[in-house]
PDB file of N, CA and C in Angstrom:
ATOM      1  N   MET A   1      16.247 -29.198  -2.689  1.00  0.00           N
ATOM      2  CA  MET A   1      15.630 -29.851  -3.838  1.00  0.00           C
ATOM      3  C   MET A   1      15.888 -31.356  -3.787  1.00  0.00           C
ATOM      4  N   ASN A   2      14.964 -32.063  -4.299  1.00  0.00           N
ATOM      5  CA  ASN A   2      15.038 -33.516  -4.376  1.00  0.00           C
ATOM      6  C   ASN A   2      15.921 -33.917  -5.564  1.00  0.00           C
ATOM      7  N   ILE A   3      16.603 -35.031  -5.458  1.00  0.00           N
ATOM      8  CA  ILE A   3      17.477 -35.493  -6.540  1.00  0.00           C
ATOM      9  C   ILE A   3      16.678 -35.782  -7.809  1.00  0.00           C
ATOM     10  N   GLN A   4      15.450 -36.247  -7.658  1.00  0.00           N
ATOM     11  CA  GLN A   4      14.609 -36.526  -8.825  1.00  0.00           C
ATOM     12  C   GLN A   4      14.256 -35.242  -9.565  1.00  0.00           C
ATOM     13  N   VAL A   5      13.989 -34.181  -8.847  1.00  0.00           N
ATOM     14  CA  VAL A   5      13.670 -32.898  -9.473  1.00  0.00           C
ATOM     15  C   VAL A   5      14.884 -32.365 -10.229  1.00  0.00           C
ATOM     16  N   ILE A   6      16.045 -32.506  -9.647  1.00  0.00           N
ATOM     17  CA  ILE A   6      17.275 -32.051 -10.300  1.00  0.00           C
ATOM     18  C   ILE A   6      17.513 -32.840 -11.585  1.00  0.00           C
ATOM     19  N   LEU A   7      17.319 -34.153 -11.545  1.00  0.00           N
ATOM     20  CA  LEU A   7      17.497 -34.970 -12.751  1.00  0.00           C
ATOM     21  C   LEU A   7      16.489 -34.601 -13.832  1.00  0.00           C
ATOM     22  N   VAL A   8      15.256 -34.340 -13.461  1.00  0.00           N
ATOM     23  CA  VAL A   8      14.233 -33.939 -14.438  1.00  0.00           C
ATOM     24  C   VAL A   8      14.592 -32.599 -15.058  1.00  0.00           C
ATOM     25  N   ILE A   9      15.079 -31.678 -14.269  1.00  0.00           N
ATOM     26  CA  ILE A   9      15.471 -30.365 -14.800  1.00  0.00           C
ATOM     27  C   ILE A   9      16.646 -30.511 -15.765  1.00  0.00           C
ATOM     28  N   ILE A  10      17.622 -31.348 -15.423  1.00  0.00           N
ATOM     29  CA  ILE A  10      18.779 -31.566 -16.303  1.00  0.00           C
ATOM     30  C   ILE A  10      18.340 -32.212 -17.617  1.00  0.00           C
ATOM     31  N   LEU A  11      17.469 -33.231 -17.539  1.00  0.00           N
ATOM     32  CA  LEU A  11      16.981 -33.877 -18.763  1.00  0.00           C
ATOM     33  C   LEU A  11      16.151 -32.924 -19.612  1.00  0.00           C
ATOM     34  N   PHE A  12      15.346 -32.093 -18.981  1.00  0.00           N
ATOM     35  CA  PHE A  12      14.553 -31.119 -19.712  1.00  0.00           C
ATOM     36  C   PHE A  12      15.447 -30.106 -20.418  1.00  0.00           C
ATOM     37  N   ALA A  13      16.477 -29.625 -19.735  1.00  0.00           N
ATOM     38  CA  ALA A  13      17.411 -28.672 -20.337  1.00  0.00           C
ATOM     39  C   ALA A  13      18.160 -29.315 -21.505  1.00  0.00           C
ATOM     40  N   ALA A  14      18.536 -30.586 -21.364  1.00  0.00           N
ATOM     41  CA  ALA A  14      19.231 -31.277 -22.448  1.00  0.00           C
ATOM     42  C   ALA A  14      18.305 -31.447 -23.653  1.00  0.00           C
ATOM     43  N   ALA A  15      17.031 -31.751 -23.415  1.00  0.00           N
ATOM     44  CA  ALA A  15      16.072 -31.900 -24.514  1.00  0.00           C
ATOM     45  C   ALA A  15      15.853 -30.566 -25.230  1.00  0.00           C
ATOM     46  N   ILE A  16      15.733 -29.489 -24.485  1.00  0.00           N
ATOM     47  CA  ILE A  16      15.569 -28.162 -25.088  1.00  0.00           C
ATOM     48  C   ILE A  16      16.800 -27.800 -25.915  1.00  0.00           C
ATOM     49  N   PHE A  17      17.991 -28.087 -25.398  1.00  0.00           N
ATOM     50  CA  PHE A  17      19.229 -27.826 -26.133  1.00  0.00           C
ATOM     51  C   PHE A  17      19.277 -28.635 -27.424  1.00  0.00           C
ATOM     52  N   TYR A  18      18.895 -29.915 -27.358  1.00  0.00           N
ATOM     53  CA  TYR A  18      18.912 -30.789 -28.531  1.00  0.00           C
ATOM     54  C   TYR A  18      17.927 -30.299 -29.597  1.00  0.00           C
ATOM     55  N   ILE A  19      16.746 -29.927 -29.205  1.00  0.00           N
ATOM     56  CA  ILE A  19      15.744 -29.423 -30.156  1.00  0.00           C
ATOM     57  C   ILE A  19      16.211 -28.103 -30.762  1.00  0.00           C
ATOM     58  N   GLY A  20      16.788 -27.241 -29.939  1.00  0.00           N
ATOM     59  CA  GLY A  20      17.312 -25.974 -30.446  1.00  0.00           C
ATOM     60  C   GLY A  20      18.433 -26.172 -31.446  1.00  0.00           C
ATOM     61  N   LYS A  21      19.298 -27.142 -31.180  1.00  0.00           N
ATOM     62  CA  LYS A  21      20.401 -27.437 -32.105  1.00  0.00           C
ATOM     63  C   LYS A  21      19.873 -27.974 -33.431  1.00  0.00           C
ATOM     64  N   MET A  22      18.862 -28.835 -33.371  1.00  0.00           N
ATOM     65  CA  MET A  22      18.270 -29.365 -34.598  1.00  0.00           C
ATOM     66  C   MET A  22      17.603 -28.253 -35.411  1.00  0.00           C
ATOM     67  N   MET A  23      16.902 -27.355 -34.739  1.00  0.00           N
ATOM     68  CA  MET A  23      16.248 -26.249 -35.439  1.00  0.00           C
ATOM     69  C   MET A  23      17.283 -25.318 -36.059  1.00  0.00           C
ATOM     70  N   TYR A  24      18.374 -25.052 -35.340  1.00  0.00           N
ATOM     71  CA  TYR A  24      19.416 -24.184 -35.876  1.00  0.00           C
ATOM     72  C   TYR A  24      20.067 -24.793 -37.115  1.00  0.00           C
ATOM     73  N   LYS A  25      20.337 -26.104 -37.069  1.00  0.00           N
ATOM     74  CA  LYS A  25      20.945 -26.764 -38.227  1.00  0.00           C
ATOM     75  C   LYS A  25      20.017 -26.747 -39.434  1.00  0.00           C
ATOM     76  N   SER A  26      18.722 -26.882 -39.219  1.00  0.00           N
ATOM     77  CA  SER A  26      17.797 -26.880 -40.349  1.00  0.00           C
ATOM     78  C   SER A  26      17.652 -25.480 -40.937  1.00  0.00           C
ATOM     79  N   ILE A  27      17.808 -24.461 -40.136  1.00  0.00           N
ATOM     80  CA  ILE A  27      17.692 -23.084 -40.631  1.00  0.00           C
ATOM     81  C   ILE A  27      19.021 -22.607 -41.206  1.00  0.00           C
ATOM     82  N   ALA A  28      20.140 -22.982 -40.600  1.00  0.00           N
ATOM     83  CA  ALA A  28      21.454 -22.469 -40.983  1.00  0.00           C
ATOM     84  C   ALA A  28      21.935 -23.022 -42.322  1.00  0.00           C
ATOM     85  N   SER A  29      21.524 -24.202 -42.723  1.00  0.00           N
ATOM     86  CA  SER A  29      22.019 -24.765 -43.977  1.00  0.00           C
ATOM     87  C   SER A  29      21.127 -24.297 -45.127  1.00  0.00           C
ATOM     88  N   LYS A  30      21.503 -23.208 -45.741  1.00  0.00           N
ATOM     89  CA  LYS A  30      20.706 -22.605 -46.817  1.00  0.00           C
ATOM     90  C   LYS A  30      21.000 -23.232 -48.179  1.00  0.00           C
ATOM     91  N   LYS A  31      22.255 -23.616 -48.440  1.00  0.00           N
ATOM     92  CA  LYS A  31      22.630 -24.102 -49.773  1.00  0.00           C
ATOM     93  C   LYS A  31      22.331 -25.574 -49.968  1.00  0.00           C
ATOM     94  N   SER A  32      22.310 -26.348 -48.905  1.00  0.00           N
ATOM     95  CA  SER A  32      22.076 -27.775 -49.051  1.00  0.00           C
ATOM     96  C   SER A  32      21.206 -28.260 -47.897  1.00  0.00           C
ATOM     97  N   CYS A  33      20.906 -29.524 -47.920  1.00  0.00           N
ATOM     98  CA  CYS A  33      20.015 -30.086 -46.905  1.00  0.00           C
ATOM     99  C   CYS A  33      20.725 -30.352 -45.582  1.00  0.00           C
ATOM    100  N   GLY A  34      22.021 -30.254 -45.530  1.00  0.00           N
ATOM    101  CA  GLY A  34      22.755 -30.506 -44.308  1.00  0.00           C
ATOM    102  C   GLY A  34      23.250 -31.930 -44.192  1.00  0.00           C
ATOM    103  N   GLY A  35      22.844 -32.787 -45.111  1.00  0.00           N
ATOM    104  CA  GLY A  35      23.295 -34.176 -45.101  1.00  0.00           C
ATOM    105  C   GLY A  35      24.539 -34.343 -45.949  1.00  0.00           C
ATOM    106  N   ASN A  36      24.860 -35.561 -46.278  1.00  0.00           N
ATOM    107  CA  ASN A  36      26.038 -35.843 -47.090  1.00  0.00           C
ATOM    108  C   ASN A  36      25.622 -36.302 -48.488  1.00  0.00           C
ATOM    109  N   CYS A  37      24.529 -35.743 -49.021  1.00  0.00           N
ATOM    110  CA  CYS A  37      24.015 -36.210 -50.311  1.00  0.00           C
ATOM    111  C   CYS A  37      24.489 -35.347 -51.479  1.00  0.00           C
ATOM    112  N   LYS A  38      25.213 -34.264 -51.225  1.00  0.00           N
ATOM    113  CA  LYS A  38      25.753 -33.362 -52.241  1.00  0.00           C
ATOM    114  C   LYS A  38      24.658 -32.699 -53.088  1.00  0.00           C
ATOM    115  N   CYS A  39      23.494 -32.459 -52.483  1.00  0.00           N
ATOM    116  CA  CYS A  39      22.416 -31.823 -53.235  1.00  0.00           C
ATOM    117  C   CYS A  39      22.671 -30.332 -53.430  1.00  0.00           C
ATOM    118  N   GLY A  40      23.601 -29.732 -52.677  1.00  0.00           N
ATOM    119  CA  GLY A  40      23.895 -28.324 -52.822  1.00  0.00           C
ATOM    120  C   GLY A  40      25.135 -28.048 -53.655  1.00  0.00           C
ATOM    121  N   VAL A  41      25.700 -29.062 -54.301  1.00  0.00           N
ATOM    122  CA  VAL A  41      26.918 -28.914 -55.097  1.00  0.00           C
ATOM    123  C   VAL A  41      26.559 -28.334 -56.462  1.00  0.00           C
ATOM    124  N   ASP A  42      27.350 -27.352 -56.908  1.00  0.00           N
ATOM    125  CA  ASP A  42      27.118 -26.713 -58.198  1.00  0.00           C
ATOM    126  C   ASP A  42      27.889 -27.476 -59.280  1.00  0.00           C
ATOM    127  N   PHE A  43      27.161 -28.160 -60.160  1.00  0.00           N
ATOM    128  CA  PHE A  43      27.773 -28.923 -61.247  1.00  0.00           C
ATOM    129  C   PHE A  43      27.683 -28.175 -62.583  1.00  0.00           C
ATOM    130  N   SER A  44      27.527 -26.851 -62.556  1.00  0.00           N
ATOM    131  CA  SER A  44      27.356 -26.106 -63.819  1.00  0.00           C
ATOM    132  C   SER A  44      28.625 -26.051 -64.646  1.00  0.00           C
ATOM    133  N   GLY A  45      29.798 -26.188 -64.045  1.00  0.00           N
ATOM    134  CA  GLY A  45      31.054 -26.117 -64.789  1.00  0.00           C
ATOM    135  C   GLY A  45      31.521 -27.450 -65.323  1.00  0.00           C
ATOM    136  N   ILE A  46      30.749 -28.495 -65.149  1.00  0.00           N
ATOM    137  CA  ILE A  46      31.137 -29.840 -65.593  1.00  0.00           C
ATOM    138  C   ILE A  46      30.298 -30.239 -66.794  1.00  0.00           C
ATOM    139  N   GLU A  47      30.981 -30.633 -67.859  1.00  0.00           N
ATOM    140  CA  GLU A  47      30.256 -31.080 -69.053  1.00  0.00           C
ATOM    141  C   GLU A  47      29.795 -32.512 -68.886  1.00  0.00           C
ATOM    142  N   PRO A  48      28.547 -32.828 -69.212  1.00  0.00           N
ATOM    143  CA  PRO A  48      28.082 -34.205 -69.053  1.00  0.00           C
ATOM    144  C   PRO A  48      28.750 -35.143 -70.072  1.00  0.00           C
ATOM    145  N   GLY A  49      29.083 -36.326 -69.648  1.00  0.00           N
ATOM    146  CA  GLY A  49      29.690 -37.322 -70.521  1.00  0.00           C
ATOM    147  C   GLY A  49      31.191 -37.206 -70.660  1.00  0.00           C
ATOM    148  N   LYS A  50      31.794 -36.169 -70.128  1.00  0.00           N
ATOM    149  CA  LYS A  50      33.234 -35.980 -70.215  1.00  0.00           C
ATOM    150  C   LYS A  50      33.901 -36.688 -69.033  1.00  0.00           C
ATOM    151  N   PRO A  51      34.844 -37.619 -69.302  1.00  0.00           N
ATOM    152  CA  PRO A  51      35.492 -38.337 -68.207  1.00  0.00           C
ATOM    153  C   PRO A  51      36.412 -37.408 -67.405  1.00  0.00           C
ATOM    154  N   HIS A  52      36.475 -37.649 -66.120  1.00  0.00           N
ATOM    155  CA  HIS A  52      37.330 -36.867 -65.233  1.00  0.00           C
ATOM    156  C   HIS A  52      38.756 -37.380 -65.303  1.00  0.00           C
ATOM    157  N   LYS A  53      39.726 -36.489 -65.381  1.00  0.00           N
ATOM    158  CA  LYS A  53      41.143 -36.866 -65.464  1.00  0.00           C
ATOM    159  C   LYS A  53      41.685 -37.201 -64.117  1.00  0.00           C
TER     160      LYS A  53
END
């Protein structure tokens, strides 16, 4: 095999792995969006306007 073919195969495999990882993360995070925005946090036990101690 040619070195160029080997490099293309490695890059293709890395791209497939990266896309698969992104798809898994989007499917696996059911409670929140997967970011750091705290959109999946349950605030039902906190009264509004009450200062935190």
